[in-house]
Amino acid sequence: EYVDRINQCVDKIESTITRNNYIPRNMIIAQSVLETGWGESDLAKDS
């Protein structure tokens, strides 16, 4: 579900940008996972 929610955010963003602003989706998700522990960190939940 966490991956699905990020994908939904990325879907919306990608609908407004061109290929010149593209970022690999798996890199986005992987960095988020590493920074938040799959969205379980206080920074993710509270901020």
All heavy atoms as atom14 arrays in JSON, in Angstrom:
{
  "sequence": "EYVDRINQCVDKIESTITRNNYIPRNMIIAQSVLETGWGESDLAKDS",
  "atom14_mask": [
    [1, 1, 1, 1, 1, 1, 1, 1, 1, 0, 0, 0, 0, 0],
    [1, 1, 1, 1, 1, 1, 1, 1, 1, 1, 1, 1, 0, 0],
    [1, 1, 1, 1, 1, 1, 1, 0, 0, 0, 0, 0, 0, 0],
    [1, 1, 1, 1, 1, 1, 1, 1, 0, 0, 0, 0, 0, 0],
    [1, 1, 1, 1, 1, 1, 1, 1, 1, 1, 1, 0, 0, 0],
    [1, 1, 1, 1, 1, 1, 1, 1, 0, 0, 0, 0, 0, 0],
    [1, 1, 1, 1, 1, 1, 1, 1, 0, 0, 0, 0, 0, 0],
    [1, 1, 1, 1, 1, 1, 1, 1, 1, 0, 0, 0, 0, 0],
    [1, 1, 1, 1, 1, 1, 0, 0, 0, 0, 0, 0, 0, 0],
    [1, 1, 1, 1, 1, 1, 1, 0, 0, 0, 0, 0, 0, 0],
    [1, 1, 1, 1, 1, 1, 1, 1, 0, 0, 0, 0, 0, 0],
    [1, 1, 1, 1, 1, 1, 1, 1, 1, 0, 0, 0, 0, 0],
    [1, 1, 1, 1, 1, 1, 1, 1, 0, 0, 0, 0, 0, 0],
    [1, 1, 1, 1, 1, 1, 1, 1, 1, 0, 0, 0, 0, 0],
    [1, 1, 1, 1, 1, 1, 0, 0, 0, 0, 0, 0, 0, 0],
    [1, 1, 1, 1, 1, 1, 1, 0, 0, 0, 0, 0, 0, 0],
    [1, 1, 1, 1, 1, 1, 1, 1, 0, 0, 0, 0, 0, 0],
    [1, 1, 1, 1, 1, 1, 1, 0, 0, 0, 0, 0, 0, 0],
    [1, 1, 1, 1, 1, 1, 1, 1, 1, 1, 1, 0, 0, 0],
    [1, 1, 1, 1, 1, 1, 1, 1, 0, 0, 0, 0, 0, 0],
    [1, 1, 1, 1, 1, 1, 1, 1, 0, 0, 0, 0, 0, 0],
    [1, 1, 1, 1, 1, 1, 1, 1, 1, 1, 1, 1, 0, 0],
    [1, 1, 1, 1, 1, 1, 1, 1, 0, 0, 0, 0, 0, 0],
    [1, 1, 1, 1, 1, 1, 1, 0, 0, 0, 0, 0, 0, 0],
    [1, 1, 1, 1, 1, 1, 1, 1, 1, 1, 1, 0, 0, 0],
    [1, 1, 1, 1, 1, 1, 1, 1, 0, 0, 0, 0, 0, 0],
    [1, 1, 1, 1, 1, 1, 1, 1, 0, 0, 0, 0, 0, 0],
    [1, 1, 1, 1, 1, 1, 1, 1, 0, 0, 0, 0, 0, 0],
    [1, 1, 1, 1, 1, 1, 1, 1, 0, 0, 0, 0, 0, 0],
    [1, 1, 1, 1, 1, 0, 0, 0, 0, 0, 0, 0, 0, 0],
    [1, 1, 1, 1, 1, 1, 1, 1, 1, 0, 0, 0, 0, 0],
    [1, 1, 1, 1, 1, 1, 0, 0, 0, 0, 0, 0, 0, 0],
    [1, 1, 1, 1, 1, 1, 1, 0, 0, 0, 0, 0, 0, 0],
    [1, 1, 1, 1, 1, 1, 1, 1, 0, 0, 0, 0, 0, 0],
    [1, 1, 1, 1, 1, 1, 1, 1, 1, 0, 0, 0, 0, 0],
    [1, 1, 1, 1, 1, 1, 1, 0, 0, 0, 0, 0, 0, 0],
    [1, 1, 1, 1, 0, 0, 0, 0, 0, 0, 0, 0, 0, 0],
    [1, 1, 1, 1, 1, 1, 1, 1, 1, 1, 1, 1, 1, 1],
    [1, 1, 1, 1, 0, 0, 0, 0, 0, 0, 0, 0, 0, 0],
    [1, 1, 1, 1, 1, 1, 1, 1, 1, 0, 0, 0, 0, 0],
    [1, 1, 1, 1, 1, 1, 0, 0, 0, 0, 0, 0, 0, 0],
    [1, 1, 1, 1, 1, 1, 1, 1, 0, 0, 0, 0, 0, 0],
    [1, 1, 1, 1, 1, 1, 1, 1, 0, 0, 0, 0, 0, 0],
    [1, 1, 1, 1, 1, 0, 0, 0, 0, 0, 0, 0, 0, 0],
    [1, 1, 1, 1, 1, 1, 1, 1, 1, 0, 0, 0, 0, 0],
    [1, 1, 1, 1, 1, 1, 1, 1, 0, 0, 0, 0, 0, 0],
    [1, 1, 1, 1, 1, 1, 0, 0, 0, 0, 0, 0, 0, 0]
  ],
  "atom14_positions": [
    [[0.82, -1.2, 0.0], [0.0, 0.0, 0.0], [0.86, 1.26, 0.0], [0.52, 2.25, -0.65], [-0.92, 0.0, 1.22], [-2.06, -1.02, 1.13], [-2.97, -0.97, 2.34], [-2.68, -0.21, 3.27], [-3.97, -1.7, 2.34], [0.0, 0.0, 0.0], [0.0, 0.0, 0.0], [0.0, 0.0, 0.0], [0.0, 0.0, 0.0], [0.0, 0.0, 0.0]],
    [[1.97, 1.23, 0.71], [2.87, 2.38, 0.74], [3.39, 2.69, -0.67], [3.38, 3.84, -1.11], [4.04, 2.11, 1.69], [4.98, 3.27, 1.83], [4.65, 4.37, 2.6], [6.21, 3.28, 1.16], [5.51, 5.46, 2.72], [7.08, 4.35, 1.29], [6.72, 5.44, 2.06], [7.59, 6.51, 2.17], [0.0, 0.0, 0.0], [0.0, 0.0, 0.0]],
    [[3.84, 1.65, -1.36], [4.33, 1.82, -2.73], [3.21, 2.35, -3.64], [3.43, 3.25, -4.46], [4.89, 0.49, -3.28], [5.17, 0.6, -4.78], [6.15, 0.1, -2.53], [0.0, 0.0, 0.0], [0.0, 0.0, 0.0], [0.0, 0.0, 0.0], [0.0, 0.0, 0.0], [0.0, 0.0, 0.0], [0.0, 0.0, 0.0], [0.0, 0.0, 0.0]],
    [[2.02, 1.8, -3.46], [0.89, 2.23, -4.28], [0.58, 3.71, -4.06], [0.29, 4.44, -5.02], [-0.34, 1.39, -3.96], [-1.54, 1.78, -4.82], [-1.47, 1.56, -6.05], [-2.53, 2.3, -4.27], [0.0, 0.0, 0.0], [0.0, 0.0, 0.0], [0.0, 0.0, 0.0], [0.0, 0.0, 0.0], [0.0, 0.0, 0.0], [0.0, 0.0, 0.0]],
    [[0.65, 4.18, -2.83], [0.33, 5.59, -2.54], [1.37, 6.52, -3.17], [1.01, 7.57, -3.72], [0.25, 5.83, -1.03], [-0.81, 5.01, -0.3], [-2.21, 5.18, -0.9], [-3.16, 4.33, -0.22], [-3.52, 3.11, -0.62], [-2.96, 2.59, -1.7], [-4.4, 2.41, 0.06], [0.0, 0.0, 0.0], [0.0, 0.0, 0.0], [0.0, 0.0, 0.0]],
    [[2.64, 6.15, -3.1], [3.66, 6.98, -3.74], [3.44, 6.99, -5.25], [3.56, 8.03, -5.92], [5.07, 6.49, -3.4], [5.37, 6.7, -1.92], [6.12, 7.24, -4.26], [6.77, 6.35, -1.51], [0.0, 0.0, 0.0], [0.0, 0.0, 0.0], [0.0, 0.0, 0.0], [0.0, 0.0, 0.0], [0.0, 0.0, 0.0], [0.0, 0.0, 0.0]],
    [[3.11, 5.83, -5.81], [2.84, 5.75, -7.25], [1.7, 6.68, -7.64], [1.73, 7.3, -8.72], [2.51, 4.31, -7.65], [3.75, 3.48, -7.93], [4.72, 3.98, -8.49], [3.73, 2.22, -7.54], [0.0, 0.0, 0.0], [0.0, 0.0, 0.0], [0.0, 0.0, 0.0], [0.0, 0.0, 0.0], [0.0, 0.0, 0.0], [0.0, 0.0, 0.0]],
    [[0.69, 6.79, -6.81], [-0.42, 7.69, -7.11], [0.03, 9.14, -7.13], [-0.38, 9.93, -7.99], [-1.55, 7.49, -6.09], [-2.3, 6.18, -6.23], [-3.41, 6.04, -5.21], [-3.99, 7.03, -4.77], [-3.71, 4.81, -4.83], [0.0, 0.0, 0.0], [0.0, 0.0, 0.0], [0.0, 0.0, 0.0], [0.0, 0.0, 0.0], [0.0, 0.0, 0.0]],
    [[0.9, 9.51, -6.17], [1.46, 10.87, -6.16], [2.27, 11.13, -7.43], [2.15, 12.19, -8.05], [2.34, 11.08, -4.93], [1.49, 11.06, -3.36], [0.0, 0.0, 0.0], [0.0, 0.0, 0.0], [0.0, 0.0, 0.0], [0.0, 0.0, 0.0], [0.0, 0.0, 0.0], [0.0, 0.0, 0.0], [0.0, 0.0, 0.0], [0.0, 0.0, 0.0]],
    [[3.1, 10.16, -7.8], [3.95, 10.3, -8.97], [3.1, 10.38, -10.24], [3.4, 11.16, -11.16], [4.97, 9.14, -9.06], [5.74, 9.2, -10.38], [5.94, 9.2, -7.88], [0.0, 0.0, 0.0], [0.0, 0.0, 0.0], [0.0, 0.0, 0.0], [0.0, 0.0, 0.0], [0.0, 0.0, 0.0], [0.0, 0.0, 0.0], [0.0, 0.0, 0.0]],
    [[2.04, 9.59, -10.3], [1.13, 9.65, -11.46], [0.61, 11.06, -11.66], [0.56, 11.58, -12.79], [-0.05, 8.7, -11.26], [0.32, 7.24, -11.47], [1.36, 6.97, -12.09], [-0.44, 6.37, -11.0], [0.0, 0.0, 0.0], [0.0, 0.0, 0.0], [0.0, 0.0, 0.0], [0.0, 0.0, 0.0], [0.0, 0.0, 0.0], [0.0, 0.0, 0.0]],
    [[0.21, 11.69, -10.57], [-0.33, 13.06, -10.66], [0.75, 14.04, -11.12], [0.52, 14.88, -11.99], [-0.89, 13.49, -9.31], [-1.45, 14.91, -9.34], [-2.03, 15.31, -8.0], [-2.5, 16.77, -8.06], [-3.07, 17.22, -6.78], [0.0, 0.0, 0.0], [0.0, 0.0, 0.0], [0.0, 0.0, 0.0], [0.0, 0.0, 0.0], [0.0, 0.0, 0.0]],
    [[1.95, 13.92, -10.53], [3.03, 14.83, -10.9], [3.42, 14.64, -12.35], [3.62, 15.62, -13.09], [4.24, 14.6, -9.97], [3.9, 15.02, -8.54], [5.47, 15.38, -10.47], [4.93, 14.61, -7.51], [0.0, 0.0, 0.0], [0.0, 0.0, 0.0], [0.0, 0.0, 0.0], [0.0, 0.0, 0.0], [0.0, 0.0, 0.0], [0.0, 0.0, 0.0]],
    [[3.54, 13.39, -12.79], [3.96, 13.13, -14.17], [2.94, 13.61, -15.19], [3.27, 13.82, -16.36], [4.23, 11.63, -14.36], [5.52, 11.17, -13.69], [5.88, 9.74, -14.05], [5.02, 9.03, -14.63], [7.02, 9.33, -13.74], [0.0, 0.0, 0.0], [0.0, 0.0, 0.0], [0.0, 0.0, 0.0], [0.0, 0.0, 0.0], [0.0, 0.0, 0.0]],
    [[1.69, 13.81, -14.76], [0.67, 14.33, -15.69], [0.88, 15.81, -15.97], [0.24, 16.37, -16.86], [-0.73, 14.1, -15.12], [-0.99, 14.95, -14.01], [0.0, 0.0, 0.0], [0.0, 0.0, 0.0], [0.0, 0.0, 0.0], [0.0, 0.0, 0.0], [0.0, 0.0, 0.0], [0.0, 0.0, 0.0], [0.0, 0.0, 0.0], [0.0, 0.0, 0.0]],
    [[1.78, 16.46, -15.22], [1.99, 17.91, -15.37], [3.38, 18.26, -15.89], [3.68, 19.43, -16.05], [1.78, 18.62, -14.02], [2.87, 18.3, -13.13], [0.47, 18.22, -13.39], [0.0, 0.0, 0.0], [0.0, 0.0, 0.0], [0.0, 0.0, 0.0], [0.0, 0.0, 0.0], [0.0, 0.0, 0.0], [0.0, 0.0, 0.0], [0.0, 0.0, 0.0]],
    [[4.24, 17.26, -16.13], [5.62, 17.56, -16.52], [5.97, 16.9, -17.85], [5.21, 16.1, -18.38], [6.62, 17.08, -15.44], [6.54, 15.55, -15.28], [6.35, 17.78, -14.11], [7.6, 14.97, -14.33], [0.0, 0.0, 0.0], [0.0, 0.0, 0.0], [0.0, 0.0, 0.0], [0.0, 0.0, 0.0], [0.0, 0.0, 0.0], [0.0, 0.0, 0.0]],
    [[7.14, 17.24, -18.37], [7.64, 16.64, -19.59], [8.75, 15.65, -19.26], [9.17, 15.53, -18.1], [8.21, 17.72, -20.54], [9.4, 18.28, -19.94], [7.19, 18.82, -20.78], [0.0, 0.0, 0.0], [0.0, 0.0, 0.0], [0.0, 0.0, 0.0], [0.0, 0.0, 0.0], [0.0, 0.0, 0.0], [0.0, 0.0, 0.0], [0.0, 0.0, 0.0]],
    [[9.27, 14.98, -20.26], [10.35, 14.01, -20.07], [11.6, 14.69, -19.52], [12.44, 14.05, -18.89], [10.68, 13.32, -21.39], [9.58, 12.38, -21.9], [9.97, 11.77, -23.22], [11.15, 10.93, -23.1], [11.91, 10.56, -24.12], [11.61, 10.97, -25.34], [12.95, 9.77, -23.93], [0.0, 0.0, 0.0], [0.0, 0.0, 0.0], [0.0, 0.0, 0.0]],
    [[11.73, 16.0, -19.75], [12.9, 16.73, -19.26], [12.93, 16.82, -17.74], [13.96, 17.19, -17.16], [12.92, 18.15, -19.85], [13.14, 18.14, -21.34], [13.8, 17.25, -21.86], [12.61, 19.11, -22.04], [0.0, 0.0, 0.0], [0.0, 0.0, 0.0], [0.0, 0.0, 0.0], [0.0, 0.0, 0.0], [0.0, 0.0, 0.0], [0.0, 0.0, 0.0]],
    [[11.81, 16.52, -17.09], [11.75, 16.57, -15.63], [11.5, 15.19, -15.01], [11.23, 15.08, -13.82], [10.64, 17.52, -15.18], [10.89, 18.95, -15.63], [10.14, 19.5, -16.42], [11.94, 19.56, -15.12], [0.0, 0.0, 0.0], [0.0, 0.0, 0.0], [0.0, 0.0, 0.0], [0.0, 0.0, 0.0], [0.0, 0.0, 0.0], [0.0, 0.0, 0.0]],
    [[11.62, 14.17, -15.82], [11.32, 12.81, -15.39], [12.35, 12.31, -14.38], [13.54, 12.6, -14.47], [11.29, 11.88, -16.61], [11.17, 10.42, -16.27], [9.95, 9.86, -15.91], [12.3, 9.59, -16.3], [9.85, 8.51, -15.6], [12.21, 8.24, -15.99], [10.97, 7.72, -15.63], [10.88, 6.39, -15.31], [0.0, 0.0, 0.0], [0.0, 0.0, 0.0]],
    [[11.86, 11.54, -13.4], [12.72, 10.89, -12.41], [12.3, 9.42, -12.33], [11.1, 9.14, -12.24], [12.58, 11.55, -11.02], [12.98, 13.02, -11.08], [13.44, 10.82, -9.98], [12.71, 13.79, -9.8], [0.0, 0.0, 0.0], [0.0, 0.0, 0.0], [0.0, 0.0, 0.0], [0.0, 0.0, 0.0], [0.0, 0.0, 0.0], [0.0, 0.0, 0.0]],
    [[13.26, 8.48, -12.38], [12.9, 7.06, -12.31], [12.06, 6.75, -11.08], [12.44, 7.07, -9.95], [14.25, 6.35, -12.27], [15.2, 7.3, -12.91], [14.71, 8.66, -12.52], [0.0, 0.0, 0.0], [0.0, 0.0, 0.0], [0.0, 0.0, 0.0], [0.0, 0.0, 0.0], [0.0, 0.0, 0.0], [0.0, 0.0, 0.0], [0.0, 0.0, 0.0]],
    [[10.95, 6.11, -11.3], [9.98, 5.88, -10.22], [10.56, 5.0, -9.11], [10.35, 5.27, -7.93], [8.71, 5.25, -10.8], [7.56, 5.23, -9.83], [6.28, 4.83, -10.52], [5.86, 5.78, -11.55], [4.61, 6.16, -11.74], [3.65, 5.66, -10.98], [4.29, 7.01, -12.69], [0.0, 0.0, 0.0], [0.0, 0.0, 0.0], [0.0, 0.0, 0.0]],
    [[11.27, 3.93, -9.48], [11.81, 3.05, -8.45], [12.87, 3.73, -7.59], [13.06, 3.37, -6.43], [12.39, 1.77, -9.09], [11.34, 0.68, -9.21], [10.17, 0.89, -8.9], [11.75, -0.49, -9.65], [0.0, 0.0, 0.0], [0.0, 0.0, 0.0], [0.0, 0.0, 0.0], [0.0, 0.0, 0.0], [0.0, 0.0, 0.0], [0.0, 0.0, 0.0]],
    [[13.55, 4.71, -8.16], [14.52, 5.47, -7.37], [13.79, 6.34, -6.35], [14.2, 6.45, -5.19], [15.4, 6.35, -8.26], [16.54, 7.02, -7.51], [17.6, 8.04, -8.57], [16.68, 9.59, -8.54], [0.0, 0.0, 0.0], [0.0, 0.0, 0.0], [0.0, 0.0, 0.0], [0.0, 0.0, 0.0], [0.0, 0.0, 0.0], [0.0, 0.0, 0.0]],
    [[12.69, 6.96, -6.78], [11.88, 7.79, -5.89], [11.39, 6.95, -4.7], [11.56, 7.33, -3.54], [10.67, 8.37, -6.63], [11.11, 9.26, -7.79], [9.77, 9.15, -5.68], [9.97, 9.71, -8.69], [0.0, 0.0, 0.0], [0.0, 0.0, 0.0], [0.0, 0.0, 0.0], [0.0, 0.0, 0.0], [0.0, 0.0, 0.0], [0.0, 0.0, 0.0]],
    [[10.79, 5.81, -5.03], [10.22, 4.97, -3.98], [11.31, 4.44, -3.06], [11.17, 4.45, -1.83], [9.42, 3.81, -4.61], [8.25, 4.36, -5.44], [8.91, 2.86, -3.53], [7.54, 3.29, -6.26], [0.0, 0.0, 0.0], [0.0, 0.0, 0.0], [0.0, 0.0, 0.0], [0.0, 0.0, 0.0], [0.0, 0.0, 0.0], [0.0, 0.0, 0.0]],
    [[12.42, 3.98, -3.66], [13.5, 3.39, -2.86], [14.1, 4.41, -1.89], [14.38, 4.09, -0.73], [14.58, 2.82, -3.77], [0.0, 0.0, 0.0], [0.0, 0.0, 0.0], [0.0, 0.0, 0.0], [0.0, 0.0, 0.0], [0.0, 0.0, 0.0], [0.0, 0.0, 0.0], [0.0, 0.0, 0.0], [0.0, 0.0, 0.0], [0.0, 0.0, 0.0]],
    [[14.3, 5.64, -2.35], [14.84, 6.66, -1.45], [13.86, 6.96, -0.32], [14.25, 7.13, 0.84], [15.15, 7.94, -2.22], [16.43, 7.86, -3.03], [16.87, 9.21, -3.52], [16.6, 9.59, -4.65], [17.54, 9.97, -2.67], [0.0, 0.0, 0.0], [0.0, 0.0, 0.0], [0.0, 0.0, 0.0], [0.0, 0.0, 0.0], [0.0, 0.0, 0.0]],
    [[12.59, 6.99, -0.64], [11.58, 7.23, 0.38], [11.56, 6.1, 1.41], [11.48, 6.34, 2.62], [10.19, 7.37, -0.26], [9.19, 7.46, 0.71], [0.0, 0.0, 0.0], [0.0, 0.0, 0.0], [0.0, 0.0, 0.0], [0.0, 0.0, 0.0], [0.0, 0.0, 0.0], [0.0, 0.0, 0.0], [0.0, 0.0, 0.0], [0.0, 0.0, 0.0]],
    [[11.66, 4.88, 0.92], [11.69, 3.72, 1.82], [12.89, 3.79, 2.75], [12.79, 3.55, 3.96], [11.71, 2.4, 1.0], [12.05, 1.22, 1.89], [10.36, 2.19, 0.32], [0.0, 0.0, 0.0], [0.0, 0.0, 0.0], [0.0, 0.0, 0.0], [0.0, 0.0, 0.0], [0.0, 0.0, 0.0], [0.0, 0.0, 0.0], [0.0, 0.0, 0.0]],
    [[14.06, 4.12, 2.19], [15.27, 4.19, 3.0], [15.18, 5.31, 4.03], [15.57, 5.14, 5.19], [16.49, 4.41, 2.1], [17.84, 4.52, 2.81], [18.15, 3.27, 3.62], [18.96, 4.79, 1.8], [0.0, 0.0, 0.0], [0.0, 0.0, 0.0], [0.0, 0.0, 0.0], [0.0, 0.0, 0.0], [0.0, 0.0, 0.0], [0.0, 0.0, 0.0]],
    [[14.65, 6.46, 3.62], [14.59, 7.62, 4.52], [13.55, 7.47, 5.62], [13.69, 8.07, 6.69], [14.29, 8.89, 3.7], [15.36, 9.28, 2.7], [16.63, 9.8, 3.36], [16.57, 10.15, 4.55], [17.68, 9.83, 2.69], [0.0, 0.0, 0.0], [0.0, 0.0, 0.0], [0.0, 0.0, 0.0], [0.0, 0.0, 0.0], [0.0, 0.0, 0.0]],
    [[12.5, 6.67, 5.38], [11.39, 6.62, 6.34], [11.11, 5.24, 6.92], [10.24, 5.12, 7.78], [10.08, 7.11, 5.67], [9.69, 6.15, 4.66], [10.24, 8.48, 5.04], [0.0, 0.0, 0.0], [0.0, 0.0, 0.0], [0.0, 0.0, 0.0], [0.0, 0.0, 0.0], [0.0, 0.0, 0.0], [0.0, 0.0, 0.0], [0.0, 0.0, 0.0]],
    [[11.83, 4.21, 6.44], [11.52, 2.85, 6.9], [10.11, 2.45, 6.51], [9.3, 2.08, 7.36], [0.0, 0.0, 0.0], [0.0, 0.0, 0.0], [0.0, 0.0, 0.0], [0.0, 0.0, 0.0], [0.0, 0.0, 0.0], [0.0, 0.0, 0.0], [0.0, 0.0, 0.0], [0.0, 0.0, 0.0], [0.0, 0.0, 0.0], [0.0, 0.0, 0.0]],
    [[9.84, 2.56, 5.2], [8.51, 2.24, 4.67], [7.42, 3.13, 5.27], [6.31, 2.69, 5.54], [8.17, 0.77, 4.87], [9.04, -0.16, 4.09], [10.16, -0.8, 4.53], [8.88, -0.54, 2.72], [10.72, -1.56, 3.53], [9.94, -1.42, 2.39], [7.94, -0.22, 1.73], [10.09, -1.98, 1.12], [8.09, -0.77, 0.47], [9.15, -1.64, 0.17]],
    [[7.77, 4.4, 5.49], [6.77, 5.35, 5.96], [6.47, 5.28, 7.43], [5.51, 5.9, 7.91], [0.0, 0.0, 0.0], [0.0, 0.0, 0.0], [0.0, 0.0, 0.0], [0.0, 0.0, 0.0], [0.0, 0.0, 0.0], [0.0, 0.0, 0.0], [0.0, 0.0, 0.0], [0.0, 0.0, 0.0], [0.0, 0.0, 0.0], [0.0, 0.0, 0.0]],
    [[7.32, 4.59, 8.2], [7.05, 4.39, 9.63], [7.8, 5.37, 10.53], [7.6, 5.36, 11.75], [7.39, 2.95, 10.03], [6.51, 1.9, 9.37], [5.04, 2.09, 9.71], [4.73, 2.35, 10.89], [4.2, 2.0, 8.78], [0.0, 0.0, 0.0], [0.0, 0.0, 0.0], [0.0, 0.0, 0.0], [0.0, 0.0, 0.0], [0.0, 0.0, 0.0]],
    [[8.66, 6.2, 9.98], [9.42, 7.12, 10.81], [8.53, 8.26, 11.31], [7.48, 8.56, 10.73], [10.59, 7.71, 10.01], [10.11, 8.61, 9.01], [0.0, 0.0, 0.0], [0.0, 0.0, 0.0], [0.0, 0.0, 0.0], [0.0, 0.0, 0.0], [0.0, 0.0, 0.0], [0.0, 0.0, 0.0], [0.0, 0.0, 0.0], [0.0, 0.0, 0.0]],
    [[8.96, 8.89, 12.4], [8.22, 10.04, 12.93], [8.17, 11.17, 11.92], [7.16, 11.88, 11.81], [8.89, 10.54, 14.22], [8.71, 9.59, 15.38], [7.79, 8.75, 15.31], [9.5, 9.66, 16.34], [0.0, 0.0, 0.0], [0.0, 0.0, 0.0], [0.0, 0.0, 0.0], [0.0, 0.0, 0.0], [0.0, 0.0, 0.0], [0.0, 0.0, 0.0]],
    [[9.27, 11.34, 11.17], [9.32, 12.41, 10.18], [8.25, 12.22, 9.1], [7.65, 13.18, 8.62], [10.71, 12.46, 9.53], [11.06, 13.72, 8.73], [10.99, 14.96, 9.61], [12.44, 13.59, 8.11], [0.0, 0.0, 0.0], [0.0, 0.0, 0.0], [0.0, 0.0, 0.0], [0.0, 0.0, 0.0], [0.0, 0.0, 0.0], [0.0, 0.0, 0.0]],
    [[8.02, 10.96, 8.73], [6.99, 10.66, 7.74], [5.6, 10.81, 8.32], [4.72, 11.42, 7.72], [7.19, 9.25, 7.19], [0.0, 0.0, 0.0], [0.0, 0.0, 0.0], [0.0, 0.0, 0.0], [0.0, 0.0, 0.0], [0.0, 0.0, 0.0], [0.0, 0.0, 0.0], [0.0, 0.0, 0.0], [0.0, 0.0, 0.0], [0.0, 0.0, 0.0]],
    [[5.4, 10.27, 9.5], [4.06, 10.26, 10.08], [3.63, 11.63, 10.6], [2.48, 12.04, 10.42], [4.01, 9.24, 11.22], [4.07, 7.79, 10.76], [3.92, 6.84, 11.94], [3.81, 5.4, 11.48], [3.65, 4.46, 12.62], [0.0, 0.0, 0.0], [0.0, 0.0, 0.0], [0.0, 0.0, 0.0], [0.0, 0.0, 0.0], [0.0, 0.0, 0.0]],
    [[4.54, 12.33, 11.28], [4.17, 13.59, 11.91], [4.4, 14.82, 11.04], [3.75, 15.85, 11.23], [4.97, 13.77, 13.22], [4.71, 12.65, 14.22], [3.63, 12.04, 14.14], [5.6, 12.38, 15.05], [0.0, 0.0, 0.0], [0.0, 0.0, 0.0], [0.0, 0.0, 0.0], [0.0, 0.0, 0.0], [0.0, 0.0, 0.0], [0.0, 0.0, 0.0]],
    [[5.34, 14.71, 10.1], [5.7, 15.88, 9.3], [5.48, 15.69, 7.81], [5.78, 16.58, 7.02], [7.17, 16.25, 9.55], [7.4, 16.48, 10.92], [0.0, 0.0, 0.0], [0.0, 0.0, 0.0], [0.0, 0.0, 0.0], [0.0, 0.0, 0.0], [0.0, 0.0, 0.0], [0.0, 0.0, 0.0], [0.0, 0.0, 0.0], [0.0, 0.0, 0.0]]
  ]
}
